[in-house]
Protein backbone atom coordinates (compact mmCIF):
# COMPACT_ATOMS: atom_id res chain seq x y z
CA MET A 1 87.66 117.11 115.05
CA SER A 2 89.47 119.17 112.65
CA PHE A 3 91.33 117.98 109.52
CA LYS A 4 94.29 119.45 107.60
CA PRO A 5 93.42 120.21 103.93
CA ASN A 6 95.92 117.50 102.89
CA GLN A 7 94.13 115.13 104.88
CA ILE A 8 90.84 116.05 103.31
CA THR A 9 92.59 115.62 100.07
CA ALA A 10 93.64 112.14 100.89
CA ILE A 11 90.12 111.33 102.06
CA VAL A 12 88.67 112.49 98.80
CA LEU A 13 91.16 110.56 96.70
CA ILE A 14 90.48 107.32 98.70
CA PHE A 15 86.66 107.63 98.56
CA GLY A 16 86.94 108.45 94.79
CA GLY A 17 89.10 105.32 94.14
CA LEU A 18 86.66 103.14 96.11
CA PHE A 19 83.76 104.74 94.24
CA PHE A 20 85.19 103.78 90.88
CA ILE A 21 86.16 100.26 92.23
CA PHE A 22 82.63 99.69 93.56
CA TYR A 23 81.02 101.24 90.36
CA ASP A 24 82.87 98.96 88.05
CA ILE A 25 81.71 95.88 90.25
CA PHE A 26 77.93 97.20 90.20
CA ALA A 27 78.19 97.90 86.41
CA LEU A 28 79.64 94.30 85.72
CA TYR A 29 76.86 92.78 87.90
CA PHE A 30 73.81 94.87 86.76
CA PHE A 31 74.80 96.02 83.26
CA GLY A 32 77.16 93.53 81.95
CA ALA A 33 80.65 93.36 80.93
CA ASP A 34 80.62 95.76 78.10
CA ASN A 35 79.55 98.53 80.50
CA THR A 36 82.43 98.55 82.91
CA ILE A 37 85.00 101.27 83.30
CA SER A 38 87.86 98.85 82.30
CA TYR A 39 85.89 97.86 79.16
CA VAL A 40 85.29 101.52 78.16
CA VAL A 41 88.67 102.48 78.72
CA ASN A 42 89.97 99.51 76.54
CA VAL A 43 87.63 100.48 73.56
CA TRP A 44 88.79 104.14 73.82
CA GLY A 45 92.30 102.93 73.92
CA TRP A 46 92.11 101.07 70.71
CA SER A 47 90.08 103.92 68.92
CA SER A 48 92.21 106.69 70.09
CA PRO A 49 95.67 105.54 71.37
CA LEU A 50 96.93 109.05 71.87
CA GLY A 51 94.12 109.79 74.41
CA ILE A 52 95.09 106.81 76.53
CA PHE A 53 98.69 107.60 76.26
CA ILE A 54 98.16 111.16 77.61
CA ALA A 55 95.88 109.60 80.55
CA GLY A 56 98.70 107.45 81.17
CA VAL A 57 101.30 110.17 81.30
CA VAL A 58 99.08 112.40 83.42
CA CYS A 59 98.45 109.65 85.99
CA GLY A 60 102.03 108.88 86.11
CA GLY A 61 103.12 112.40 86.51
CA LEU A 62 100.51 112.83 89.38
CA ALA A 63 101.77 109.63 90.96
CA VAL A 64 105.29 111.11 90.89
CA HIS A 65 104.07 114.55 92.12
CA PHE A 66 102.05 113.10 95.12
CA LEU A 67 104.45 110.31 96.11
CA LYS A 68 107.54 112.54 95.60
CA TRP A 69 109.37 109.80 93.71
CA ALA A 70 112.73 110.82 92.71
CA PRO A 71 115.99 109.03 91.20
CA MET A 72 117.85 107.00 93.99
CA GLU A 73 120.81 109.38 93.76
CA LYS A 74 118.72 112.42 94.46
CA GLN A 75 117.11 110.56 97.35
CA ILE A 76 120.32 109.73 98.91
CA ARG A 77 121.68 113.20 98.46
CA GLU A 78 118.73 114.84 100.03
CA LYS A 79 118.88 112.39 102.96
CA ASP A 80 122.49 113.29 103.41
CA GLU A 81 121.81 116.83 103.17
CA THR A 82 119.07 116.57 105.91
CA ASP A 83 121.23 114.32 108.25
CA ILE A 84 124.14 117.10 108.22
CA SER A 85 121.77 119.89 109.23
């Protein structure tokens, strides 16, 4: 069974996301609420709002890039162009 590079990337992203979810649950159960990923990010957000803002911009930019989001007018224009040819 052979995977394409984009399929391997998708698998890595899925497993990475699942790892963080399961680790957060694990940390909550074994280490307490003060040691979860969400708590640490919240503390960092209050101590350095610029860092959290930049992280949000990067995550938003990656989401737009990978999901190919575009304004509705551009989506309609591109759809019409592909329908014509």
